[in-house]
């Protein structure tokens, strides 16, 4: 009698463990950020389901073709863009104040 009561609970727990393991180890992230070295500094790409959705080799919204001075800055800005994409913002534009807040020198 006691085994019959515990069986549904054990089955439910086993199912939850399987779902947790799958989501932690096998699910791909929805957006993947990649930094890249360019001829003029650093840039980033954002990939979604294996396709590049944003290729940003230069500092966005700034005149000229200047990349980010460091990989760290390119990654910080790319992470902010990914955050905006996850919130449903498209296009995920950044204004000069946001860039400045992230440590990017704006003109």
PDB file of N, CA and C in Angstrom:
ATOM      1  N   UNK A   1       0.828  -1.196   0.000  1.00  0.00           N
ATOM      2  CA  UNK A   1       0.000   0.000   0.000  1.00  0.00           C
ATOM      3  C   UNK A   1       0.873   1.261   0.000  1.00  0.00           C
ATOM      4  N   UNK A   2       1.933   1.256   0.802  1.00  0.00           N
ATOM      5  CA  UNK A   2       2.805   2.405   0.896  1.00  0.00           C
ATOM      6  C   UNK A   2       3.550   2.641  -0.424  1.00  0.00           C
ATOM      7  N   UNK A   3       3.963   1.559  -1.115  1.00  0.00           N
ATOM      8  CA  UNK A   3       4.652   1.686  -2.399  1.00  0.00           C
ATOM      9  C   UNK A   3       3.768   2.325  -3.453  1.00  0.00           C
ATOM     10  N   UNK A   4       2.485   2.026  -3.430  1.00  0.00           N
ATOM     11  CA  UNK A   4       1.561   2.601  -4.418  1.00  0.00           C
ATOM     12  C   UNK A   4       1.427   4.106  -4.249  1.00  0.00           C
ATOM     13  N   UNK A   5       1.546   4.605  -3.058  1.00  0.00           N
ATOM     14  CA  UNK A   5       1.457   6.050  -2.816  1.00  0.00           C
ATOM     15  C   UNK A   5       2.742   6.768  -3.229  1.00  0.00           C
ATOM     16  N   UNK A   6       3.861   6.103  -3.036  1.00  0.00           N
ATOM     17  CA  UNK A   6       5.150   6.727  -3.333  1.00  0.00           C
ATOM     18  C   UNK A   6       5.512   6.679  -4.811  1.00  0.00           C
ATOM     19  N   UNK A   7       4.949   5.759  -5.555  1.00  0.00           N
ATOM     20  CA  UNK A   7       5.311   5.606  -6.961  1.00  0.00           C
ATOM     21  C   UNK A   7       5.052   6.878  -7.782  1.00  0.00           C
ATOM     22  N   UNK A   8       3.889   7.522  -7.690  1.00  0.00           N
ATOM     23  CA  UNK A   8       3.682   8.754  -8.476  1.00  0.00           C
ATOM     24  C   UNK A   8       4.649   9.881  -8.077  1.00  0.00           C
ATOM     25  N   UNK A   9       4.961   9.970  -6.808  1.00  0.00           N
ATOM     26  CA  UNK A   9       5.889  11.003  -6.351  1.00  0.00           C
ATOM     27  C   UNK A   9       7.287  10.723  -6.887  1.00  0.00           C
ATOM     28  N   UNK A  10       7.713   9.460  -6.824  1.00  0.00           N
ATOM     29  CA  UNK A  10       9.028   9.084  -7.337  1.00  0.00           C
ATOM     30  C   UNK A  10       9.107   9.334  -8.844  1.00  0.00           C
ATOM     31  N   UNK A  11       8.046   9.037  -9.572  1.00  0.00           N
ATOM     32  CA  UNK A  11       8.019   9.270 -11.013  1.00  0.00           C
ATOM     33  C   UNK A  11       8.109  10.759 -11.316  1.00  0.00           C
ATOM     34  N   UNK A  12       7.391  11.565 -10.573  1.00  0.00           N
ATOM     35  CA  UNK A  12       7.426  13.014 -10.746  1.00  0.00           C
ATOM     36  C   UNK A  12       8.829  13.566 -10.467  1.00  0.00           C
ATOM     37  N   UNK A  13       9.446  13.115  -9.386  1.00  0.00           N
ATOM     38  CA  UNK A  13      10.793  13.574  -9.055  1.00  0.00           C
ATOM     39  C   UNK A  13      11.804  13.161 -10.122  1.00  0.00           C
ATOM     40  N   UNK A  14      11.691  11.943 -10.630  1.00  0.00           N
ATOM     41  CA  UNK A  14      12.597  11.485 -11.689  1.00  0.00           C
ATOM     42  C   UNK A  14      12.419  12.346 -12.940  1.00  0.00           C
ATOM     43  N   UNK A  15      11.188  12.687 -13.265  1.00  0.00           N
ATOM     44  CA  UNK A  15      10.920  13.545 -14.418  1.00  0.00           C
ATOM     45  C   UNK A  15      11.519  14.929 -14.234  1.00  0.00           C
ATOM     46  N   UNK A  16      11.381  15.484 -13.045  1.00  0.00           N
ATOM     47  CA  UNK A  16      11.953  16.802 -12.770  1.00  0.00           C
ATOM     48  C   UNK A  16      13.482  16.781 -12.856  1.00  0.00           C
ATOM     49  N   UNK A  17      14.093  15.711 -12.385  1.00  0.00           N
ATOM     50  CA  UNK A  17      15.548  15.592 -12.480  1.00  0.00           C
ATOM     51  C   UNK A  17      15.973  15.533 -13.939  1.00  0.00           C
ATOM     52  N   UNK A  18      15.287  14.764 -14.762  1.00  0.00           N
ATOM     53  CA  UNK A  18      15.619  14.662 -16.179  1.00  0.00           C
ATOM     54  C   UNK A  18      15.480  16.006 -16.887  1.00  0.00           C
ATOM     55  N   UNK A  19      14.424  16.723 -16.603  1.00  0.00           N
ATOM     56  CA  UNK A  19      14.208  18.038 -17.223  1.00  0.00           C
ATOM     57  C   UNK A  19      15.304  19.012 -16.802  1.00  0.00           C
ATOM     58  N   UNK A  20      15.663  18.997 -15.530  1.00  0.00           N
ATOM     59  CA  UNK A  20      16.717  19.881 -15.030  1.00  0.00           C
ATOM     60  C   UNK A  20      18.051  19.570 -15.685  1.00  0.00           C
ATOM     61  N   UNK A  21      18.411  18.302 -15.764  1.00  0.00           N
ATOM     62  CA  UNK A  21      19.675  17.912 -16.382  1.00  0.00           C
ATOM     63  C   UNK A  21      19.690  18.328 -17.850  1.00  0.00           C
ATOM     64  N   UNK A  22      18.604  18.097 -18.552  1.00  0.00           N
ATOM     65  CA  UNK A  22      18.535  18.484 -19.970  1.00  0.00           C
ATOM     66  C   UNK A  22      18.712  19.987 -20.126  1.00  0.00           C
ATOM     67  N   UNK A  23      18.000  20.767 -19.329  1.00  0.00           N
ATOM     68  CA  UNK A  23      18.062  22.219 -19.492  1.00  0.00           C
ATOM     69  C   UNK A  23      19.429  22.786 -19.117  1.00  0.00           C
ATOM     70  N   UNK A  24      20.124  22.159 -18.183  1.00  0.00           N
ATOM     71  CA  UNK A  24      21.426  22.666 -17.778  1.00  0.00           C
ATOM     72  C   UNK A  24      22.547  22.277 -18.732  1.00  0.00           C
ATOM     73  N   UNK A  25      22.468  21.083 -19.313  1.00  0.00           N
ATOM     74  CA  UNK A  25      23.603  20.576 -20.067  1.00  0.00           C
ATOM     75  C   UNK A  25      23.399  20.483 -21.574  1.00  0.00           C
ATOM     76  N   UNK A  26      22.178  20.425 -22.042  1.00  0.00           N
ATOM     77  CA  UNK A  26      21.967  20.183 -23.464  1.00  0.00           C
ATOM     78  C   UNK A  26      21.304  21.329 -24.199  1.00  0.00           C
ATOM     79  N   UNK A  27      20.662  22.220 -23.499  1.00  0.00           N
ATOM     80  CA  UNK A  27      19.985  23.329 -24.152  1.00  0.00           C
ATOM     81  C   UNK A  27      20.997  24.394 -24.535  1.00  0.00           C
ATOM     82  N   UNK A  28      20.948  24.823 -25.764  1.00  0.00           N
ATOM     83  CA  UNK A  28      21.832  25.894 -26.219  1.00  0.00           C
ATOM     84  C   UNK A  28      21.275  27.224 -25.736  1.00  0.00           C
ATOM     85  N   UNK A  29      22.175  28.181 -25.457  1.00  0.00           N
ATOM     86  CA  UNK A  29      21.679  29.501 -25.081  1.00  0.00           C
ATOM     87  C   UNK A  29      20.975  30.139 -26.283  1.00  0.00           C
ATOM     88  N   UNK A  30      19.995  30.974 -25.993  1.00  0.00           N
ATOM     89  CA  UNK A  30      19.230  31.578 -27.079  1.00  0.00           C
ATOM     90  C   UNK A  30      20.064  32.560 -27.896  1.00  0.00           C
ATOM     91  N   UNK A  31      20.940  33.289 -27.258  1.00  0.00           N
ATOM     92  CA  UNK A  31      21.845  34.199 -27.964  1.00  0.00           C
ATOM     93  C   UNK A  31      23.266  33.898 -27.496  1.00  0.00           C
ATOM     94  N   UNK A  32      24.185  33.858 -28.439  1.00  0.00           N
ATOM     95  CA  UNK A  32      25.583  33.616 -28.106  1.00  0.00           C
ATOM     96  C   UNK A  32      26.393  34.829 -28.518  1.00  0.00           C
ATOM     97  N   UNK A  33      27.177  35.355 -27.596  1.00  0.00           N
ATOM     98  CA  UNK A  33      28.014  36.524 -27.854  1.00  0.00           C
ATOM     99  C   UNK A  33      29.435  36.059 -28.146  1.00  0.00           C
ATOM    100  N   UNK A  34      29.993  36.578 -29.226  1.00  0.00           N
ATOM    101  CA  UNK A  34      31.374  36.268 -29.602  1.00  0.00           C
ATOM    102  C   UNK A  34      32.107  37.575 -29.844  1.00  0.00           C
ATOM    103  N   UNK A  35      33.281  37.718 -29.230  1.00  0.00           N
ATOM    104  CA  UNK A  35      34.104  38.898 -29.516  1.00  0.00           C
ATOM    105  C   UNK A  35      35.090  38.539 -30.619  1.00  0.00           C
ATOM    106  N   UNK A  36      35.548  39.577 -31.321  1.00  0.00           N
ATOM    107  CA  UNK A  36      36.480  39.339 -32.426  1.00  0.00           C
ATOM    108  C   UNK A  36      37.440  40.503 -32.537  1.00  0.00           C
ATOM    109  N   UNK A  37      38.662  40.168 -32.894  1.00  0.00           N
ATOM    110  CA  UNK A  37      39.670  41.186 -33.143  1.00  0.00           C
ATOM    111  C   UNK A  37      39.485  41.670 -34.584  1.00  0.00           C
ATOM    112  N   UNK A  38      39.505  42.985 -34.762  1.00  0.00           N
ATOM    113  CA  UNK A  38      39.359  43.559 -36.098  1.00  0.00           C
ATOM    114  C   UNK A  38      40.606  44.379 -36.408  1.00  0.00           C
ATOM    115  N   UNK A  39      40.681  44.904 -37.600  1.00  0.00           N
ATOM    116  CA  UNK A  39      41.819  45.740 -37.963  1.00  0.00           C
ATOM    117  C   UNK A  39      41.890  47.036 -37.186  1.00  0.00           C
ATOM    118  N   UNK A  40      40.757  47.436 -36.607  1.00  0.00           N
ATOM    119  CA  UNK A  40      40.720  48.719 -35.896  1.00  0.00           C
ATOM    120  C   UNK A  40      40.396  48.569 -34.412  1.00  0.00           C
ATOM    121  N   UNK A  41      40.575  47.385 -33.850  1.00  0.00           N
ATOM    122  CA  UNK A  41      40.281  47.175 -32.429  1.00  0.00           C
ATOM    123  C   UNK A  41      39.538  45.877 -32.211  1.00  0.00           C
ATOM    124  N   UNK A  42      38.448  45.968 -31.460  1.00  0.00           N
ATOM    125  CA  UNK A  42      37.628  44.803 -31.133  1.00  0.00           C
ATOM    126  C   UNK A  42      36.178  45.053 -31.521  1.00  0.00           C
ATOM    127  N   UNK A  43      35.474  43.980 -31.827  1.00  0.00           N
ATOM    128  CA  UNK A  43      34.060  44.045 -32.136  1.00  0.00           C
ATOM    129  C   UNK A  43      33.370  42.832 -31.549  1.00  0.00           C
ATOM    130  N   UNK A  44      32.100  42.665 -31.880  1.00  0.00           N
ATOM    131  CA  UNK A  44      31.361  41.501 -31.392  1.00  0.00           C
ATOM    132  C   UNK A  44      30.340  41.048 -32.420  1.00  0.00           C
ATOM    133  N   UNK A  45      29.950  39.806 -32.286  1.00  0.00           N
ATOM    134  CA  UNK A  45      28.864  39.221 -33.072  1.00  0.00           C
ATOM    135  C   UNK A  45      27.888  38.589 -32.106  1.00  0.00           C
ATOM    136  N   UNK A  46      26.619  38.631 -32.481  1.00  0.00           N
ATOM    137  CA  UNK A  46      25.596  37.942 -31.704  1.00  0.00           C
ATOM    138  C   UNK A  46      24.952  36.925 -32.631  1.00  0.00           C
ATOM    139  N   UNK A  47      24.966  35.674 -32.172  1.00  0.00           N
ATOM    140  CA  UNK A  47      24.470  34.556 -32.960  1.00  0.00           C
ATOM    141  C   UNK A  47      23.214  34.013 -32.295  1.00  0.00           C
ATOM    142  N   UNK A  48      22.208  33.721 -33.102  1.00  0.00           N
ATOM    143  CA  UNK A  48      20.954  33.153 -32.614  1.00  0.00           C
ATOM    144  C   UNK A  48      20.618  31.939 -33.477  1.00  0.00           C
ATOM    145  N   UNK A  49      20.517  30.781 -32.850  1.00  0.00           N
ATOM    146  CA  UNK A  49      20.226  29.528 -33.562  1.00  0.00           C
ATOM    147  C   UNK A  49      21.183  29.296 -34.727  1.00  0.00           C
ATOM    148  N   UNK A  50      22.455  29.562 -34.497  1.00  0.00           N
ATOM    149  CA  UNK A  50      23.472  29.303 -35.510  1.00  0.00           C
ATOM    150  C   UNK A  50      23.616  30.367 -36.586  1.00  0.00           C
ATOM    151  N   UNK A  51      22.819  31.414 -36.530  1.00  0.00           N
ATOM    152  CA  UNK A  51      22.895  32.478 -37.531  1.00  0.00           C
ATOM    153  C   UNK A  51      23.306  33.786 -36.871  1.00  0.00           C
ATOM    154  N   UNK A  52      24.224  34.489 -37.530  1.00  0.00           N
ATOM    155  CA  UNK A  52      24.645  35.790 -37.017  1.00  0.00           C
ATOM    156  C   UNK A  52      23.516  36.793 -37.231  1.00  0.00           C
ATOM    157  N   UNK A  53      23.035  37.372 -36.130  1.00  0.00           N
ATOM    158  CA  UNK A  53      21.967  38.368 -36.232  1.00  0.00           C
ATOM    159  C   UNK A  53      22.520  39.788 -36.111  1.00  0.00           C
ATOM    160  N   UNK A  54      23.668  39.927 -35.446  1.00  0.00           N
ATOM    161  CA  UNK A  54      24.310  41.234 -35.345  1.00  0.00           C
ATOM    162  C   UNK A  54      25.812  41.032 -35.510  1.00  0.00           C
ATOM    163  N   UNK A  55      26.388  41.787 -36.431  1.00  0.00           N
ATOM    164  CA  UNK A  55      27.835  41.803 -36.624  1.00  0.00           C
ATOM    165  C   UNK A  55      28.271  43.240 -36.395  1.00  0.00           C
ATOM    166  N   UNK A  56      28.944  43.506 -35.277  1.00  0.00           N
ATOM    167  CA  UNK A  56      29.300  44.878 -34.904  1.00  0.00           C
ATOM    168  C   UNK A  56      30.813  44.998 -34.757  1.00  0.00           C
ATOM    169  N   UNK A  57      31.523  45.270 -35.863  1.00  0.00           N
ATOM    170  CA  UNK A  57      32.978  45.381 -35.787  1.00  0.00           C
ATOM    171  C   UNK A  57      33.458  46.746 -35.287  1.00  0.00           C
ATOM    172  N   UNK A  58      32.547  47.714 -35.174  1.00  0.00           N
ATOM    173  CA  UNK A  58      32.911  49.065 -34.743  1.00  0.00           C
ATOM    174  C   UNK A  58      32.033  49.494 -33.572  1.00  0.00           C
ATOM    175  N   UNK A  59      32.406  50.585 -32.925  1.00  0.00           N
ATOM    176  CA  UNK A  59      31.601  51.136 -31.842  1.00  0.00           C
ATOM    177  C   UNK A  59      30.299  51.662 -32.455  1.00  0.00           C
ATOM    178  N   UNK A  60      29.145  51.188 -31.992  1.00  0.00           N
ATOM    179  CA  UNK A  60      27.885  51.595 -32.613  1.00  0.00           C
ATOM    180  C   UNK A  60      27.575  53.079 -32.400  1.00  0.00           C
ATOM    181  N   UNK A  61      27.010  53.676 -33.432  1.00  0.00           N
ATOM    182  CA  UNK A  61      26.551  55.056 -33.349  1.00  0.00           C
ATOM    183  C   UNK A  61      27.645  56.099 -33.350  1.00  0.00           C
ATOM    184  N   UNK A  62      28.861  55.700 -33.614  1.00  0.00           N
ATOM    185  CA  UNK A  62      29.980  56.638 -33.612  1.00  0.00           C
ATOM    186  C   UNK A  62      30.498  56.812 -35.034  1.00  0.00           C
ATOM    187  N   UNK A  63      30.942  58.020 -35.371  1.00  0.00           N
ATOM    188  CA  UNK A  63      31.467  58.233 -36.726  1.00  0.00           C
ATOM    189  C   UNK A  63      32.779  57.482 -36.939  1.00  0.00           C
ATOM    190  N   UNK A  64      33.032  57.121 -38.168  1.00  0.00           N
ATOM    191  CA  UNK A  64      34.274  56.431 -38.501  1.00  0.00           C
ATOM    192  C   UNK A  64      34.150  54.927 -38.336  1.00  0.00           C
ATOM    193  N   UNK A  65      35.255  54.278 -38.530  1.00  0.00           N
ATOM    194  CA  UNK A  65      35.301  52.817 -38.479  1.00  0.00           C
ATOM    195  C   UNK A  65      36.216  52.358 -37.342  1.00  0.00           C
ATOM    196  N   UNK A  66      35.959  52.841 -36.147  1.00  0.00           N
ATOM    197  CA  UNK A  66      36.808  52.531 -35.006  1.00  0.00           C
ATOM    198  C   UNK A  66      36.195  51.410 -34.182  1.00  0.00           C
ATOM    199  N   UNK A  67      36.995  50.384 -33.927  1.00  0.00           N
ATOM    200  CA  UNK A  67      36.560  49.294 -33.068  1.00  0.00           C
ATOM    201  C   UNK A  67      36.689  49.685 -31.604  1.00  0.00           C
ATOM    202  N   UNK A  68      36.255  48.800 -30.743  1.00  0.00           N
ATOM    203  CA  UNK A  68      36.414  49.014 -29.311  1.00  0.00           C
ATOM    204  C   UNK A  68      37.899  48.887 -28.975  1.00  0.00           C
ATOM    205  N   UNK A  69      38.401  49.691 -28.035  1.00  0.00           N
ATOM    206  CA  UNK A  69      39.827  49.622 -27.722  1.00  0.00           C
ATOM    207  C   UNK A  69      40.253  48.319 -27.037  1.00  0.00           C
ATOM    208  N   UNK A  70      39.311  47.656 -26.344  1.00  0.00           N
ATOM    209  CA  UNK A  70      39.650  46.402 -25.656  1.00  0.00           C
ATOM    210  C   UNK A  70      38.561  45.364 -25.874  1.00  0.00           C
ATOM    211  N   UNK A  71      38.933  44.117 -25.713  1.00  0.00           N
ATOM    212  CA  UNK A  71      37.956  43.030 -25.805  1.00  0.00           C
ATOM    213  C   UNK A  71      36.932  43.129 -24.673  1.00  0.00           C
ATOM    214  N   UNK A  72      37.371  43.576 -23.512  1.00  0.00           N
ATOM    215  CA  UNK A  72      36.466  43.715 -22.363  1.00  0.00           C
ATOM    216  C   UNK A  72      35.331  44.679 -22.678  1.00  0.00           C
ATOM    217  N   UNK A  73      35.645  45.815 -23.290  1.00  0.00           N
ATOM    218  CA  UNK A  73      34.598  46.788 -23.643  1.00  0.00           C
ATOM    219  C   UNK A  73      33.656  46.222 -24.710  1.00  0.00           C
ATOM    220  N   UNK A  74      34.218  45.535 -25.688  1.00  0.00           N
ATOM    221  CA  UNK A  74      33.368  44.930 -26.726  1.00  0.00           C
ATOM    222  C   UNK A  74      32.415  43.929 -26.091  1.00  0.00           C
ATOM    223  N   UNK A  75      32.904  43.131 -25.149  1.00  0.00           N
ATOM    224  CA  UNK A  75      32.061  42.139 -24.479  1.00  0.00           C
ATOM    225  C   UNK A  75      30.978  42.815 -23.632  1.00  0.00           C
ATOM    226  N   UNK A  76      31.337  43.868 -22.897  1.00  0.00           N
ATOM    227  CA  UNK A  76      30.351  44.564 -22.060  1.00  0.00           C
ATOM    228  C   UNK A  76      29.213  45.134 -22.909  1.00  0.00           C
ATOM    229  N   UNK A  77      29.567  45.757 -24.017  1.00  0.00           N
ATOM    230  CA  UNK A  77      28.537  46.337 -24.892  1.00  0.00           C
ATOM    231  C   UNK A  77      27.715  45.217 -25.529  1.00  0.00           C
ATOM    232  N   UNK A  78      28.375  44.163 -25.977  1.00  0.00           N
ATOM    233  CA  UNK A  78      27.656  43.028 -26.552  1.00  0.00           C
ATOM    234  C   UNK A  78      26.690  42.398 -25.567  1.00  0.00           C
ATOM    235  N   UNK A  79      27.093  42.293 -24.303  1.00  0.00           N
ATOM    236  CA  UNK A  79      26.202  41.741 -23.277  1.00  0.00           C
ATOM    237  C   UNK A  79      24.979  42.624 -23.070  1.00  0.00           C
ATOM    238  N   UNK A  80      25.168  43.932 -23.142  1.00  0.00           N
ATOM    239  CA  UNK A  80      24.020  44.842 -23.006  1.00  0.00           C
ATOM    240  C   UNK A  80      23.055  44.659 -24.174  1.00  0.00           C
ATOM    241  N   UNK A  81      23.604  44.481 -25.378  1.00  0.00           N
ATOM    242  CA  UNK A  81      22.770  44.271 -26.561  1.00  0.00           C
ATOM    243  C   UNK A  81      22.006  42.946 -26.431  1.00  0.00           C
ATOM    244  N   UNK A  82      22.678  41.896 -25.970  1.00  0.00           N
ATOM    245  CA  UNK A  82      22.012  40.603 -25.765  1.00  0.00           C
ATOM    246  C   UNK A  82      20.884  40.757 -24.745  1.00  0.00           C
ATOM    247  N   UNK A  83      21.135  41.512 -23.696  1.00  0.00           N
ATOM    248  CA  UNK A  83      20.102  41.751 -22.683  1.00  0.00           C
ATOM    249  C   UNK A  83      18.877  42.416 -23.299  1.00  0.00           C
ATOM    250  N   UNK A  84      19.105  43.391 -24.159  1.00  0.00           N
ATOM    251  CA  UNK A  84      17.983  44.064 -24.824  1.00  0.00           C
ATOM    252  C   UNK A  84      17.237  43.111 -25.755  1.00  0.00           C
ATOM    253  N   UNK A  85      17.974  42.260 -26.455  1.00  0.00           N
ATOM    254  CA  UNK A  85      17.320  41.279 -27.333  1.00  0.00           C
ATOM    255  C   UNK A  85      16.444  40.327 -26.528  1.00  0.00           C
ATOM    256  N   UNK A  86      16.948  39.883 -25.392  1.00  0.00           N
ATOM    257  CA  UNK A  86      16.175  38.964 -24.536  1.00  0.00           C
ATOM    258  C   UNK A  86      14.920  39.623 -23.986  1.00  0.00           C
ATOM    259  N   UNK A  87      14.940  40.950 -23.873  1.00  0.00           N
ATOM    260  CA  UNK A  87      13.769  41.694 -23.405  1.00  0.00           C
ATOM    261  C   UNK A  87      12.807  42.001 -24.551  1.00  0.00           C
ATOM    262  N   UNK A  88      13.160  41.568 -25.769  1.00  0.00           N
ATOM    263  CA  UNK A  88      12.279  41.766 -26.914  1.00  0.00           C
ATOM    264  C   UNK A  88      12.515  43.048 -27.675  1.00  0.00           C
ATOM    265  N   UNK A  89      13.574  43.762 -27.358  1.00  0.00           N
ATOM    266  CA  UNK A  89      13.876  45.008 -28.063  1.00  0.00           C
ATOM    267  C   UNK A  89      14.584  44.704 -29.370  1.00  0.00           C
ATOM    268  N   UNK A  90      13.995  45.104 -30.459  1.00  0.00           N
ATOM    269  CA  UNK A  90      14.667  44.965 -31.746  1.00  0.00           C
ATOM    270  C   UNK A  90      14.301  46.138 -32.620  1.00  0.00           C
ATOM    271  N   UNK A  91      15.241  46.884 -33.117  1.00  0.00           N
ATOM    272  CA  UNK A  91      16.666  46.693 -32.935  1.00  0.00           C
ATOM    273  C   UNK A  91      17.100  47.122 -31.534  1.00  0.00           C
ATOM    274  N   UNK A  92      18.140  46.495 -31.010  1.00  0.00           N
ATOM    275  CA  UNK A  92      18.606  46.793 -29.651  1.00  0.00           C
ATOM    276  C   UNK A  92      19.590  47.960 -29.633  1.00  0.00           C
ATOM    277  N   UNK A  93      19.106  49.142 -29.932  1.00  0.00           N
ATOM    278  CA  UNK A  93      19.999  50.302 -30.057  1.00  0.00           C
ATOM    279  C   UNK A  93      20.535  50.750 -28.699  1.00  0.00           C
ATOM    280  N   UNK A  94      21.729  51.321 -28.742  1.00  0.00           N
ATOM    281  CA  UNK A  94      22.357  51.895 -27.556  1.00  0.00           C
ATOM    282  C   UNK A  94      22.585  53.377 -27.816  1.00  0.00           C
ATOM    283  N   UNK A  95      22.185  54.220 -26.872  1.00  0.00           N
ATOM    284  CA  UNK A  95      22.410  55.656 -27.041  1.00  0.00           C
ATOM    285  C   UNK A  95      23.769  56.029 -26.439  1.00  0.00           C
ATOM    286  N   UNK A  96      24.262  57.236 -26.735  1.00  0.00           N
ATOM    287  CA  UNK A  96      25.576  57.635 -26.216  1.00  0.00           C
ATOM    288  C   UNK A  96      25.693  57.546 -24.693  1.00  0.00           C
ATOM    289  N   UNK A  97      24.619  57.853 -23.975  1.00  0.00           N
ATOM    290  CA  UNK A  97      24.671  57.774 -22.511  1.00  0.00           C
ATOM    291  C   UNK A  97      24.889  56.334 -22.043  1.00  0.00           C
ATOM    292  N   UNK A  98      24.239  55.369 -22.701  1.00  0.00           N
ATOM    293  CA  UNK A  98      24.434  53.958 -22.336  1.00  0.00           C
ATOM    294  C   UNK A  98      25.860  53.512 -22.633  1.00  0.00           C
ATOM    295  N   UNK A  99      26.381  53.921 -23.778  1.00  0.00           N
ATOM    296  CA  UNK A  99      27.759  53.567 -24.119  1.00  0.00           C
ATOM    297  C   UNK A  99      28.729  54.157 -23.091  1.00  0.00           C
ATOM    298  N   UNK A 100      28.517  55.406 -22.738  1.00  0.00           N
ATOM    299  CA  UNK A 100      29.371  56.064 -21.752  1.00  0.00           C
ATOM    300  C   UNK A 100      29.301  55.345 -20.397  1.00  0.00           C
ATOM    301  N   UNK A 101      28.100  54.948 -20.018  1.00  0.00           N
ATOM    302  CA  UNK A 101      27.900  54.217 -18.755  1.00  0.00           C
ATOM    303  C   UNK A 101      28.678  52.890 -18.752  1.00  0.00           C
ATOM    304  N   UNK A 102      28.829  52.299 -19.913  1.00  0.00           N
ATOM    305  CA  UNK A 102      29.564  51.030 -20.029  1.00  0.00           C
ATOM    306  C   UNK A 102      31.072  51.239 -20.116  1.00  0.00           C
ATOM    307  N   UNK A 103      31.498  52.506 -20.177  1.00  0.00           N
ATOM    308  CA  UNK A 103      32.927  52.809 -20.210  1.00  0.00           C
ATOM    309  C   UNK A 103      33.487  53.091 -21.594  1.00  0.00           C
ATOM    310  N   UNK A 104      32.581  53.254 -22.568  1.00  0.00           N
ATOM    311  CA  UNK A 104      33.019  53.536 -23.940  1.00  0.00           C
ATOM    312  C   UNK A 104      33.094  55.050 -24.124  1.00  0.00           C
ATOM    313  N   UNK A 105      34.218  55.529 -24.621  1.00  0.00           N
ATOM    314  CA  UNK A 105      34.383  56.955 -24.898  1.00  0.00           C
ATOM    315  C   UNK A 105      33.559  57.313 -26.119  1.00  0.00           C
ATOM    316  N   UNK A 106      32.649  58.274 -25.974  1.00  0.00           N
ATOM    317  CA  UNK A 106      31.795  58.684 -27.091  1.00  0.00           C
ATOM    318  C   UNK A 106      32.152  60.107 -27.508  1.00  0.00           C
ATOM    319  N   UNK A 107      31.951  60.381 -28.800  1.00  0.00           N
ATOM    320  CA  UNK A 107      32.287  61.699 -29.348  1.00  0.00           C
ATOM    321  C   UNK A 107      31.053  62.546 -29.495  1.00  0.00           C
TER     322      UNK A 107
END
